[in-house]
Protein backbone atom coordinates (compact mmCIF):
# COMPACT_ATOMS: atom_id res chain seq x y z
CA UNK A 1 20.35 22.64 29.09
CA UNK A 2 18.97 23.53 32.66
CA UNK A 3 20.94 22.70 35.62
CA UNK A 4 19.84 20.22 38.45
CA UNK A 5 18.80 23.01 40.95
CA UNK A 6 16.57 24.65 38.27
CA UNK A 7 15.09 21.31 37.33
CA UNK A 8 14.20 20.56 40.93
CA UNK A 9 12.75 24.05 41.23
CA UNK A 10 10.45 23.19 38.37
CA UNK A 11 9.39 20.01 40.15
CA UNK A 12 8.91 21.80 43.45
CA UNK A 13 6.65 24.56 41.65
CA UNK A 14 4.59 21.67 40.07
CA UNK A 15 4.11 20.03 43.67
CA UNK A 16 3.22 23.31 45.35
CA UNK A 17 0.63 23.96 42.46
CA UNK A 18 -0.99 20.70 43.35
CA UNK A 19 -0.69 21.12 47.08
CA UNK A 20 -2.31 24.54 47.07
CA UNK A 21 -5.31 23.46 45.10
CA UNK A 22 -7.38 23.32 48.36
CA UNK A 23 -6.19 26.80 49.45
CA UNK A 24 -8.09 26.79 52.72
CA UNK A 25 -6.04 23.83 54.19
CA UNK A 26 -2.88 25.45 52.91
CA UNK A 27 -3.67 28.89 54.59
CA UNK A 28 -4.57 27.15 57.90
CA UNK A 29 -1.42 25.20 58.12
CA UNK A 30 0.45 28.38 57.33
CA UNK A 31 -1.29 30.26 60.10
CA UNK A 32 -0.64 27.46 62.60
CA UNK A 33 3.06 27.47 61.66
CA UNK A 34 3.38 31.24 62.30
CA UNK A 35 1.55 30.94 65.76
CA UNK A 36 3.86 28.05 66.81
CA UNK A 37 6.88 30.15 65.81
CA UNK A 38 5.71 33.10 67.76
CA UNK A 39 4.89 31.10 70.94
CA UNK A 40 8.20 29.20 70.87
CA UNK A 41 10.23 32.37 70.70
CA UNK A 42 8.24 33.95 73.79
CA UNK A 43 9.07 31.16 76.19
CA UNK A 44 12.77 31.81 76.76
CA UNK A 45 11.96 35.58 77.27
CA UNK A 46 9.45 34.66 80.10
CA UNK A 47 11.63 32.23 81.78
CA UNK A 48 14.43 34.79 81.81
CA UNK A 49 12.14 37.50 83.16
CA UNK A 50 10.84 35.05 85.78
CA UNK A 51 14.36 34.58 87.04
CA UNK A 52 15.38 38.47 87.18
CA UNK A 53 11.87 39.71 88.09
CA UNK A 54 10.19 37.06 90.32
CA UNK A 55 12.66 34.51 91.56
CA UNK A 56 15.50 36.87 92.63
CA UNK A 57 13.01 39.40 94.31
CA UNK A 58 11.15 36.38 95.76
CA UNK A 59 7.75 37.51 94.27
CA UNK A 60 6.32 34.11 94.32
CA UNK A 61 2.67 35.05 93.80
CA UNK A 62 3.51 36.71 90.32
CA UNK A 63 5.93 33.90 89.66
CA UNK A 64 3.06 31.35 90.00
CA UNK A 65 1.04 33.44 87.63
CA UNK A 66 3.85 33.32 85.06
CA UNK A 67 4.27 29.59 85.39
CA UNK A 68 0.49 29.15 84.61
CA UNK A 69 1.04 31.37 81.54
CA UNK A 70 4.05 29.32 80.54
CA UNK A 71 1.88 26.05 80.90
CA UNK A 72 -0.87 27.69 78.83
CA UNK A 73 1.70 28.51 76.15
CA UNK A 74 3.04 24.97 76.13
CA UNK A 75 -0.62 23.48 75.98
CA UNK A 76 -1.41 25.79 73.06
CA UNK A 77 1.72 24.77 71.18
CA UNK A 78 0.81 21.09 71.69
CA UNK A 79 -2.52 21.78 70.16
CA UNK A 80 -1.04 23.78 67.41
CA UNK A 81 1.54 21.06 66.66
CA UNK A 82 -1.34 18.49 66.51
CA UNK A 83 -3.17 20.53 63.90
CA UNK A 84 0.08 21.31 61.97
CA UNK A 85 0.92 17.56 61.56
CA UNK A 86 -2.61 16.66 60.72
CA UNK A 87 -3.13 19.36 58.09
CA UNK A 88 0.29 18.88 56.48
CA UNK A 89 -0.39 15.24 56.11
CA UNK A 90 -3.81 15.99 54.57
CA UNK A 91 -2.12 18.06 51.92
CA UNK A 92 0.52 15.41 51.33
CA UNK A 93 -2.08 12.67 50.96
CA UNK A 94 -4.14 15.04 48.56
CA UNK A 95 -1.06 15.43 46.33
CA UNK A 96 -0.21 11.65 46.51
CA UNK A 97 -3.77 10.87 45.50
CA UNK A 98 -3.76 13.20 42.42
CA UNK A 99 -0.32 12.01 41.31
CA UNK A 100 -1.33 8.36 41.53
CA UNK A 101 -4.50 9.01 39.58
CA UNK A 102 -2.66 11.18 36.98
CA UNK A 103 0.18 8.85 36.56
CA UNK A 104 -2.09 5.79 36.33
CA UNK A 105 -4.31 7.44 33.68
CA UNK A 106 -1.21 8.36 31.67
CA UNK A 107 0.20 4.88 31.96
CA UNK A 108 -2.88 3.22 30.67
CA UNK A 109 -2.74 5.55 27.61
CA UNK A 110 0.93 4.60 26.63
CA UNK A 111 1.62 2.74 23.49
CA UNK A 112 2.45 -1.03 23.93
CA UNK A 113 5.92 -0.36 22.81
CA UNK A 114 6.53 1.72 26.18
CA UNK A 115 5.68 -1.58 28.03
CA UNK A 116 7.73 -3.62 25.85
CA UNK A 117 10.94 -1.75 26.88
CA UNK A 118 10.05 -0.66 30.42
CA UNK A 119 10.22 -3.33 33.28
CA UNK A 120 7.17 -3.71 35.40
CA UNK A 121 9.28 -3.18 38.59
CA UNK A 122 10.24 0.24 37.35
CA UNK A 123 6.58 1.07 36.85
CA UNK A 124 5.71 -0.27 40.23
CA UNK A 125 8.54 1.75 41.83
CA UNK A 126 7.28 5.05 40.18
CA UNK A 127 3.59 4.39 40.94
CA UNK A 128 4.06 3.32 44.52
CA UNK A 129 7.30 3.96 46.47
CA UNK A 130 8.46 7.07 44.40
CA UNK A 131 5.04 8.68 44.82
CA UNK A 132 4.99 7.95 48.62
CA UNK A 133 8.38 9.48 48.92
CA UNK A 134 7.01 12.72 47.29
CA UNK A 135 4.78 13.00 50.48
CA UNK A 136 8.00 14.10 52.16
CA UNK A 137 8.04 17.44 50.49
CA UNK A 138 4.97 18.49 52.54
CA UNK A 139 4.98 16.20 55.71
CA UNK A 140 8.78 16.66 56.47
CA UNK A 141 9.84 19.21 53.84
CA UNK A 142 8.63 22.62 52.74
CA UNK A 143 5.96 23.20 55.29
CA UNK A 144 8.01 22.16 58.32
CA UNK A 145 11.06 24.24 56.67
CA UNK A 146 9.01 27.40 56.43
CA UNK A 147 7.92 27.08 60.03
CA UNK A 148 11.59 26.48 61.14
CA UNK A 149 12.77 29.36 59.09
CA UNK A 150 10.19 31.64 60.72
CA UNK A 151 11.09 30.28 64.15
CA UNK A 152 14.76 31.08 63.35
CA UNK A 153 13.95 34.68 62.38
CA UNK A 154 11.82 35.26 65.47
CA UNK A 155 14.38 33.63 67.83
CA UNK A 156 17.02 35.93 66.45
CA UNK A 157 14.73 38.94 67.02
CA UNK A 158 14.13 37.66 70.54
CA UNK A 159 17.71 37.28 71.25
CA UNK A 160 18.53 40.88 70.29
CA UNK A 161 15.71 42.00 72.25
CA UNK A 162 17.10 40.27 75.39
CA UNK A 163 20.68 41.11 74.85
CA UNK A 164 22.40 42.22 71.75
CA UNK A 165 25.94 41.36 72.78
CA UNK A 166 25.17 37.75 73.54
CA UNK A 167 22.98 37.61 70.33
CA UNK A 168 26.00 38.73 68.23
CA UNK A 169 28.10 35.91 69.61
CA UNK A 170 25.51 33.31 68.57
CA UNK A 171 24.86 34.88 65.11
CA UNK A 172 28.53 34.39 64.31
CA UNK A 173 28.20 30.53 63.82
CA UNK A 174 25.15 30.90 61.54
CA UNK A 175 27.29 31.43 58.31
CA UNK A 176 29.17 28.31 59.12
CA UNK A 177 26.17 26.20 59.61
CA UNK A 178 24.55 27.51 56.36
CA UNK A 179 27.80 26.67 54.55
CA UNK A 180 27.95 23.23 55.99
CA UNK A 181 24.12 22.59 55.21
CA UNK A 182 24.59 23.73 51.55
CA UNK A 183 27.63 21.48 51.13
CA UNK A 184 25.92 18.38 52.54
CA UNK A 185 22.75 19.09 50.57
CA UNK A 186 24.65 18.76 47.27
CA UNK A 187 26.24 15.55 48.50
CA UNK A 188 23.08 14.01 49.74
CA UNK A 189 21.16 14.77 46.52
CA UNK A 190 23.41 12.56 44.65
CA UNK A 191 23.06 9.72 47.00
CA UNK A 192 19.34 10.03 47.00
CA UNK A 193 19.22 9.79 43.20
CA UNK A 194 21.41 6.59 43.17
CA UNK A 195 19.23 5.24 46.04
CA UNK A 196 15.97 5.51 43.95
CA UNK A 197 17.73 4.05 40.97
CA UNK A 198 18.90 0.96 42.79
CA UNK A 199 15.41 0.73 44.46
CA UNK A 200 13.80 0.68 41.02
CA UNK A 201 16.44 -2.10 39.93
CA UNK A 202 15.70 -4.02 42.96
CA UNK A 203 12.00 -4.00 42.45
CA UNK A 204 12.26 -5.01 38.83
CA UNK A 205 14.45 -7.90 39.71
CA UNK A 206 12.08 -9.25 42.34
CA UNK A 207 9.01 -8.82 40.22
CA UNK A 208 10.54 -10.73 37.14
CA UNK A 209 11.77 -13.49 39.40
CA UNK A 210 8.57 -14.01 41.16
CA UNK A 211 6.72 -14.16 37.74
CA UNK A 212 9.23 -16.55 36.39
CA UNK A 213 9.51 -18.63 39.46
CA UNK A 214 8.37 -21.79 37.66
CA UNK A 215 11.07 -21.42 34.98
CA UNK A 216 13.72 -20.98 37.66
CA UNK A 217 12.65 -24.11 39.60
CA UNK A 218 12.17 -25.97 36.44
CA UNK A 219 15.74 -25.47 35.28
CA UNK A 220 17.31 -25.66 38.80
CA UNK A 221 18.52 -21.93 38.69
CA UNK A 222 17.61 -21.28 42.33
CA UNK A 223 21.36 -21.05 43.47
CA UNK A 224 22.27 -18.77 40.48
CA UNK A 225 19.29 -16.47 41.08
CA UNK A 226 20.12 -16.28 44.76
CA UNK A 227 23.58 -15.04 43.91
CA UNK A 228 22.15 -12.43 41.57
CA UNK A 229 19.61 -11.33 44.34
CA UNK A 230 22.63 -10.88 46.77
CA UNK A 231 24.41 -8.72 44.32
CA UNK A 232 21.33 -6.53 43.55
CA UNK A 233 20.52 -6.31 47.31
CA UNK A 234 24.17 -5.45 48.14
CA UNK A 235 24.11 -2.49 45.53
CA UNK A 236 20.83 -1.29 47.19
CA UNK A 237 22.53 -1.51 50.54
CA UNK A 238 25.57 0.44 49.41
CA UNK A 239 23.25 3.21 48.11
CA UNK A 240 21.51 3.57 51.40
CA UNK A 241 24.66 3.46 53.39
CA UNK A 242 26.13 6.26 51.18
CA UNK A 243 23.07 8.49 52.30
CA UNK A 244 23.47 7.47 55.87
CA UNK A 245 27.23 8.31 55.87
CA UNK A 246 26.54 11.92 55.00
CA UNK A 247 23.81 12.20 57.77
CA UNK A 248 26.24 10.60 60.14
CA UNK A 249 28.76 13.39 59.50
CA UNK A 250 26.32 16.36 59.29
CA UNK A 251 24.55 15.92 62.63
CA UNK A 252 27.53 15.68 64.83
CA UNK A 253 29.05 18.76 63.20
CA UNK A 254 25.82 20.79 63.95
CA UNK A 255 26.03 19.41 67.60
CA UNK A 256 29.56 20.70 68.04
CA UNK A 257 28.65 24.13 66.63
CA UNK A 258 25.94 24.23 69.24
CA UNK A 259 28.15 23.30 72.08
CA UNK A 260 30.70 26.01 70.79
CA UNK A 261 27.92 28.68 70.75
CA UNK A 262 26.91 27.62 74.37
CA UNK A 263 30.49 27.96 75.50
CA UNK A 264 30.96 31.34 74.04
CA UNK A 265 27.80 32.45 75.79
CA UNK A 266 29.10 31.10 79.09
CA UNK A 267 32.36 32.74 78.70
CA UNK A 268 30.80 36.15 77.69
CA UNK A 269 28.46 35.99 80.73
CA UNK A 270 31.20 35.31 83.03
CA UNK A 271 33.32 38.13 81.78
CA UNK A 272 30.43 40.63 81.70
CA UNK A 273 29.59 39.43 85.27
CA UNK A 274 33.10 40.17 86.53
CA UNK A 275 33.53 43.56 84.50
CA UNK A 276 30.48 45.30 83.22
CA UNK A 277 27.55 43.55 85.09
CA UNK A 278 25.32 44.15 82.18
CA UNK A 279 24.33 40.48 81.70
CA UNK A 280 21.88 39.15 84.21
CA UNK A 281 21.22 35.41 85.18
CA UNK A 282 17.86 35.59 83.46
CA UNK A 283 19.72 36.61 80.26
CA UNK A 284 22.01 33.58 80.53
CA UNK A 285 18.98 31.15 81.16
CA UNK A 286 17.23 32.70 78.20
CA UNK A 287 20.21 32.08 75.85
CA UNK A 288 20.81 28.77 77.21
CA UNK A 289 17.22 27.99 75.95
CA UNK A 290 17.49 30.10 72.79
CA UNK A 291 20.64 28.25 71.58
CA UNK A 292 19.08 24.79 71.32
CA UNK A 293 15.96 26.31 70.06
CA UNK A 294 18.00 28.13 67.24
CA UNK A 295 20.32 25.25 66.45
CA UNK A 296 17.60 22.57 66.30
CA UNK A 297 15.62 24.11 63.55
CA UNK A 298 18.89 24.75 61.66
CA UNK A 299 19.79 21.25 62.04
CA UNK A 300 16.39 20.16 61.24
CA UNK A 301 16.26 22.28 58.25
CA UNK A 302 19.33 20.42 57.02
CA UNK A 303 17.39 17.24 57.53
CA UNK A 304 14.28 18.64 56.18
CA UNK A 305 16.18 19.76 52.99
CA UNK A 306 17.53 16.30 52.65
CA UNK A 307 13.95 14.88 52.93
CA UNK A 308 12.75 17.58 50.47
CA UNK A 309 15.59 16.70 48.09
CA UNK A 310 14.59 12.92 48.47
CA UNK A 311 11.03 13.94 47.74
CA UNK A 312 12.08 16.24 44.71
CA UNK A 313 14.25 13.40 43.19
CA UNK A 314 11.27 11.05 43.35
CA UNK A 315 9.02 13.71 41.94
CA UNK A 316 11.36 14.25 39.13
CA UNK A 317 11.20 10.62 38.28
CA UNK A 318 7.33 10.63 38.52
CA UNK A 319 6.99 13.80 36.45
CA UNK A 320 9.46 12.41 33.82
CA UNK A 321 7.17 9.54 33.33
CA UNK A 322 3.98 11.59 33.28
CA UNK A 323 5.61 14.00 30.76
CA UNK A 324 6.61 11.21 28.40
CA UNK A 325 5.12 11.75 24.91
CA UNK A 326 4.53 8.01 24.19
CA UNK A 327 0.81 7.99 23.63
CA UNK A 328 -1.10 7.76 20.42
CA UNK A 329 -2.32 10.89 18.70
CA UNK A 330 -5.97 10.34 19.12
CA UNK A 331 -7.15 12.95 16.66
CA UNK A 332 -9.84 10.72 15.17
CA UNK A 333 -13.40 12.01 15.55
CA UNK A 334 -15.35 9.07 13.83
CA UNK A 335 -17.37 7.27 16.45
CA UNK A 336 -19.85 4.90 14.81
CA UNK A 337 -22.27 2.85 16.97
CA UNK A 338 -21.62 -0.09 14.84
CA UNK A 339 -19.34 -1.12 12.02
CA UNK A 340 -19.92 -3.76 9.24
CA UNK A 341 -16.53 -5.13 9.51
CA UNK A 342 -15.14 -4.59 6.04
CA UNK A 343 -11.24 -4.56 6.61
CA UNK A 344 -8.62 -3.60 4.03
CA UNK A 345 -4.69 -3.50 4.46
CA UNK A 346 -3.05 -1.71 1.67
CA UNK A 347 0.69 -1.60 1.22
CA UNK A 348 1.26 -1.79 4.94
CA UNK A 349 4.90 -1.44 6.12
CA UNK A 350 5.76 -1.50 9.81
CA UNK A 351 8.82 -1.82 11.97
CA UNK A 352 9.26 -2.00 15.60
CA UNK A 353 12.89 -0.80 15.45
CA UNK A 354 13.66 1.85 12.76
CA UNK A 355 15.29 0.39 9.86
CA UNK A 356 14.06 -3.20 10.58
CA UNK A 357 10.84 -3.88 8.76
CA UNK A 358 8.65 -6.58 10.19
CA UNK A 359 5.81 -6.18 7.52
CA UNK A 360 6.91 -5.49 4.08
CA UNK A 361 3.95 -4.14 1.87
CA UNK A 362 1.01 -6.23 3.26
CA UNK A 363 -2.24 -6.02 1.25
CA UNK A 364 -5.34 -8.11 1.82
CA UNK A 365 -9.15 -7.48 2.47
CA UNK A 366 -11.88 -9.05 4.38
CA UNK A 367 -15.53 -8.41 3.66
CA UNK A 368 -18.36 -8.36 6.18
CA UNK A 369 -19.00 -11.67 7.90
CA UNK A 370 -15.85 -13.23 6.28
CA UNK A 371 -13.31 -15.40 8.24
CA UNK A 372 -9.74 -14.78 7.25
CA UNK A 373 -6.98 -17.18 8.58
CA UNK A 374 -3.24 -16.21 8.84
CA UNK A 375 -0.62 -19.02 9.11
CA UNK A 376 3.12 -18.92 8.90
CA UNK A 377 6.23 -19.74 10.94
CA UNK A 378 7.05 -18.02 14.23
CA UNK A 379 8.29 -14.33 13.55
CA UNK A 380 6.53 -14.21 10.17
CA UNK A 381 4.52 -11.16 11.31
CA UNK A 382 1.14 -12.76 12.10
CA UNK A 383 0.40 -11.23 15.47
CA UNK A 384 1.76 -7.85 14.38
CA UNK A 385 -1.25 -7.64 11.80
CA UNK A 386 -3.69 -7.82 14.62
CA UNK A 387 -1.85 -5.58 16.78
CA UNK A 388 -1.97 -2.93 13.95
CA UNK A 389 -5.64 -3.44 13.40
CA UNK A 390 -6.49 -2.52 16.94
CA UNK A 391 -3.83 0.41 16.59
CA UNK A 392 -1.61 -0.76 19.45
CA UNK A 393 1.24 0.34 17.08
CA UNK A 394 1.14 2.89 14.19
CA UNK A 395 2.26 1.83 10.78
CA UNK A 396 5.27 3.33 8.87
CA UNK A 397 3.38 3.57 5.66
CA UNK A 398 0.52 2.26 3.80
CA UNK A 399 -3.10 2.25 5.18
CA UNK A 400 -5.58 0.19 7.16
CA UNK A 401 -9.20 0.82 6.90
CA UNK A 402 -12.58 -0.46 8.36
CA UNK A 403 -15.62 0.17 6.30
CA UNK A 404 -13.69 2.45 3.95
CA UNK A 405 -12.41 4.77 6.80
CA UNK A 406 -8.86 4.87 7.96
CA UNK A 407 -8.42 3.47 11.47
CA UNK A 408 -6.49 6.66 12.39
CA UNK A 409 -9.75 8.74 11.69
CA UNK A 410 -11.61 6.62 14.34
CA UNK A 411 -11.70 7.70 17.89
CA UNK A 412 -9.26 5.28 19.37
CA UNK A 413 -11.44 3.99 22.11
CA UNK A 414 -14.34 3.64 19.73
CA UNK A 415 -12.13 1.85 17.31
CA UNK A 416 -11.15 -0.81 20.00
CA UNK A 417 -14.75 -1.11 21.16
CA UNK A 418 -15.66 -2.74 17.91
CA UNK A 419 -12.84 -5.32 17.87
CA UNK A 420 -12.51 -8.27 20.53
CA UNK A 421 -9.31 -10.13 20.73
CA UNK A 422 -8.80 -13.57 22.15
CA UNK A 423 -4.99 -14.11 22.86
CA UNK A 424 -3.07 -17.37 23.33
CA UNK A 425 -1.73 -16.15 26.65
CA UNK A 426 -4.89 -15.30 28.63
CA UNK A 427 -4.43 -12.87 31.27
CA UNK A 428 -7.06 -13.14 34.20
CA UNK A 429 -7.06 -10.72 37.19
CA UNK A 430 -7.21 -11.67 40.82
CA UNK A 431 -10.89 -11.27 40.84
CA UNK A 432 -14.17 -13.31 40.31
CA UNK A 433 -14.92 -15.23 37.19
CA UNK A 434 -17.82 -12.77 36.53
CA UNK A 435 -15.64 -9.64 36.83
CA UNK A 436 -12.88 -11.19 34.65
CA UNK A 437 -15.61 -11.51 32.00
CA UNK A 438 -17.16 -8.14 32.23
CA UNK A 439 -14.11 -6.32 33.25
CA UNK A 440 -16.42 -4.53 35.53
CA UNK A 441 -18.51 -3.02 32.67
CA UNK A 442 -21.80 -2.20 34.44
CA UNK A 443 -23.64 -2.15 31.14
CA UNK A 444 -23.04 -6.11 31.07
CA UNK A 445 -25.29 -7.85 33.62
CA UNK A 446 -24.87 -11.29 35.17
CA UNK A 447 -27.68 -12.59 33.13
CA UNK A 448 -26.03 -11.43 30.01
CA UNK A 449 -22.85 -13.44 30.91
CA UNK A 450 -24.78 -16.57 31.88
CA UNK A 451 -26.95 -16.43 28.73
CA UNK A 452 -23.76 -16.03 26.59
CA UNK A 453 -22.13 -18.82 28.31
CA UNK A 454 -25.10 -21.09 27.66
CA UNK A 455 -24.95 -20.04 23.97
CA UNK A 456 -21.43 -21.16 23.48
CA UNK A 457 -21.91 -24.15 25.82
CA UNK A 458 -19.44 -23.34 28.47
CA UNK A 459 -21.91 -22.63 31.26
CA UNK A 460 -21.51 -26.10 32.75
CA UNK A 461 -17.66 -25.83 33.13
CA UNK A 462 -18.14 -22.40 35.01
CA UNK A 463 -21.04 -23.81 37.24
CA UNK A 464 -19.04 -26.67 38.23
CA UNK A 465 -16.26 -24.27 39.88
CA UNK A 466 -16.70 -23.51 43.58
CA UNK A 467 -19.09 -20.57 43.71
CA UNK A 468 -19.48 -20.60 39.99
CA UNK A 469 -19.43 -17.27 38.50
CA UNK A 470 -18.31 -15.82 41.77
CA UNK A 471 -15.29 -18.09 42.02
CA UNK A 472 -12.09 -16.02 42.83
CA UNK A 473 -9.50 -16.61 40.36
CA UNK A 474 -5.83 -16.41 41.43
CA UNK A 475 -3.39 -14.08 40.10
CA UNK A 476 -2.98 -14.57 36.21
CA UNK A 477 -5.58 -17.22 36.48
CA UNK A 478 -3.11 -19.84 37.85
CA UNK A 479 -5.83 -21.98 39.62
CA UNK A 480 -7.50 -22.74 36.27
CA UNK A 481 -6.04 -24.85 33.38
CA UNK A 482 -5.01 -23.36 30.10
CA UNK A 483 -8.17 -24.62 28.38
CA UNK A 484 -10.47 -23.13 31.28
CA UNK A 485 -8.68 -19.74 31.02
CA UNK A 486 -9.02 -19.87 27.14
CA UNK A 487 -12.80 -20.67 27.40
CA UNK A 488 -13.28 -17.69 29.83
CA UNK A 489 -11.42 -15.36 27.33
CA UNK A 490 -13.86 -16.50 24.64
CA UNK A 491 -16.72 -15.73 26.76
CA UNK A 492 -15.23 -12.25 27.64
CA UNK A 493 -15.02 -11.50 23.87
CA UNK A 494 -18.48 -12.85 23.14
CA UNK A 495 -20.47 -10.87 25.89
CA UNK A 496 -18.95 -7.67 24.39
CA UNK A 497 -20.70 -8.37 20.97
CA UNK A 498 -17.76 -7.07 18.83
CA UNK A 499 -18.23 -6.40 15.19
CA UNK A 500 -14.75 -7.75 14.38
CA UNK A 501 -13.22 -10.79 16.21
CA UNK A 502 -9.62 -11.63 16.29
CA UNK A 503 -8.24 -14.92 17.65
CA UNK A 504 -4.50 -15.08 18.07
CA UNK A 505 -3.32 -18.79 18.43
CA UNK A 506 -6.45 -19.53 20.60
CA UNK A 507 -6.14 -23.30 20.49
CA UNK A 508 -2.42 -23.91 20.25
CA UNK A 509 -1.82 -25.17 23.69
CA UNK A 510 -4.98 -26.79 25.01
CA UNK A 511 -6.21 -30.38 25.62
CA UNK A 512 -8.51 -32.20 23.33
CA UNK A 513 -11.58 -31.73 25.51
CA UNK A 514 -11.05 -27.97 25.83
CA UNK A 515 -10.36 -27.83 22.07
CA UNK A 516 -13.91 -29.33 21.31
CA UNK A 517 -15.58 -26.72 23.49
CA UNK A 518 -13.35 -23.97 21.97
CA UNK A 519 -13.90 -25.05 18.42
CA UNK A 520 -17.80 -24.84 18.96
CA UNK A 521 -17.26 -21.51 20.78
CA UNK A 522 -15.16 -20.31 17.83
CA UNK A 523 -17.82 -21.44 15.22
CA UNK A 524 -20.53 -19.62 17.47
CA UNK A 525 -18.93 -16.35 18.07
CA UNK A 526 -17.57 -15.88 14.42
CA UNK A 527 -21.10 -16.22 12.91
CA UNK A 528 -22.00 -13.14 11.02
CA UNK A 529 -19.06 -11.18 11.97
CA UNK A 530 -15.71 -10.59 10.41
CA UNK A 531 -13.06 -12.74 11.95
CA UNK A 532 -9.44 -12.93 11.76
CA UNK A 533 -7.82 -16.19 12.95
CA UNK A 534 -4.05 -16.71 13.61
CA UNK A 535 -3.77 -20.41 13.72
CA UNK A 536 -1.08 -22.89 14.40
CA UNK A 537 -3.26 -25.94 14.06
CA UNK A 538 -4.26 -25.88 10.45
CA UNK A 539 -7.21 -28.16 11.02
CA UNK A 540 -9.05 -25.32 12.88
CA UNK A 541 -9.00 -23.03 9.74
CA UNK A 542 -9.96 -25.27 6.99
CA UNK A 543 -13.39 -23.60 6.74
CA UNK A 544 -11.97 -20.17 6.40
CA UNK A 545 -13.06 -18.09 3.55
CA UNK A 546 -9.40 -17.07 2.93
CA UNK A 547 -6.09 -18.22 4.26
CA UNK A 548 -3.05 -15.91 4.11
CA UNK A 549 0.38 -17.56 4.38
CA UNK A 550 3.04 -15.47 5.70
CA UNK A 551 6.69 -15.65 5.56
CA UNK A 552 9.24 -13.19 6.66
CA UNK A 553 6.97 -10.27 6.81
CA UNK A 554 5.22 -10.96 3.39
CA UNK A 555 2.10 -12.76 2.20
CA UNK A 556 3.56 -15.54 0.05
CA UNK A 557 0.38 -17.40 -0.69
CA UNK A 558 -3.39 -16.79 -0.38
CA UNK A 559 -6.53 -18.86 -1.09
CA UNK A 560 -8.96 -21.36 0.44
CA UNK A 561 -7.54 -24.49 2.13
CA UNK A 562 -8.20 -26.62 -0.97
CA UNK A 563 -6.69 -23.93 -3.25
CA UNK A 564 -3.69 -23.68 -1.17
CA UNK A 565 -3.26 -27.48 -1.10
CA UNK A 566 -3.46 -27.62 -4.97
CA UNK A 567 -0.72 -25.05 -5.35
CA UNK A 568 1.74 -27.50 -3.78
CA UNK A 569 3.70 -24.57 -2.10
CA UNK A 570 4.51 -23.31 1.43
CA UNK A 571 1.08 -24.14 2.82
CA UNK A 572 1.22 -27.62 1.35
CA UNK A 573 4.47 -28.24 3.27
CA UNK A 574 3.02 -26.94 6.54
CA UNK A 575 -0.09 -29.12 6.22
CA UNK A 576 2.10 -32.27 5.42
CA UNK A 577 4.34 -31.51 8.38
CA UNK A 578 1.33 -31.47 10.77
CA UNK A 579 -0.53 -34.49 9.35
CA UNK A 580 2.08 -36.82 8.25
CA UNK A 581 1.73 -38.97 11.31
CA UNK A 582 -1.96 -39.40 10.52
CA UNK A 583 -1.06 -40.31 6.84
């Protein structure tokens, strides 16, 4: 098992690999950092020389020239600093852009089971705030650290160049500062990890409560959720304060060490002035400038390391999600342009949780153009069947085939292209009606959508909306009724011209007027294509070619509507329960 430092080193290497993909920018920012370090270490030498060689001898003409040189150096440093910040941020944004694209591309390939067990708030945290924090590795981390380390080396060389005795006095404090920095780096790493964990928990809590606000208000749980929010928010506050605590100790200690070094220099200078006269006023002034210039990068390196560590902790979380092996093995190579729609389930066994079978040896077949209905109590396994057909989950044993070919031999995207699913809970994006129907598929034109809407007779409903097909739908389609959302989902399925159609409880929670439209739409879009209908209302499936009755993961009855009624079994009981009021 690798330790934490090695693990962070691996994340660091991966980030550097991404950051150096555009080598010209990385080389440019490195050159700028070197030039900045050289110029900053020259300034104290020139100031000390000005005092000893020009001010004391009162050579004001040469002093004026030196002042112009110093101003020129400062100006160049400002320009270099501008380019350093600009280029380092460009590198950081390039890395962030690639991480976001790669992570999103990986997320959309994950199995549905991954989303079943992973809170949306966690995914948002990883995709947004964690990746944003990774940018600190470049904007306030490794590039700045390398520049500061180079600056420290050049300043130490410059100090020995000016006066080796004074340089030795200053160098004594460096091991102490390095030890302090190393100690606090370990402590702060733990607090950063806890901080990101609490941030993900906080985001998950807020996201879930916003999505479920209607339930909270409906059951009067505002005060209860407010107390829970205060608790989660308090934990996040504690995590941030723990990080701030170590910062608040580290910086004063570094400042004290700086003051001690400055005091030792003054004592040495005073002693040398009285005894040996080998330290000039210019040397003292140079070292008064050198010490802050030396301590500041060391202190900043400590801070940079903390930011670097924060970025690496976030990178660890992002890469961990990107490295998850939770996608389907898409080894299928069969990519037919069209399928006939002959479906066969043979002894299919499936379980969401190992050891808990949801489907127990399901077998049935549907020929091209047939309509198969599936009924049964909640939890009987109806929706599981259609999830398996689209291969959102893989079966434990048995086989599922379309036109005689196992669905695992199909290319996954090709397989799903031939199947359209209309769910009970329709999801609409915060976009126009047109884009919600086409899902931004450029091969589907506006005319295609309008003609399809007319064919299933829902064009009038859409035209009556403000701006018609350009009407902007609110998040999750909340500005539309359940029936209207369902009609849009039917049109979405219809314009894709699927070879196989699946309707999952599509009419279970709509009004009578919408049901009439949906029933007509159902009859229209199921014409000449294989259809599987999961139904709660038995009146909507009486014309089906075959009805499968499920109970506890098994098919307990099968036949046409009349055949099942004649059997006087489970289906007969369901039918009587729904229509007893009419009788």
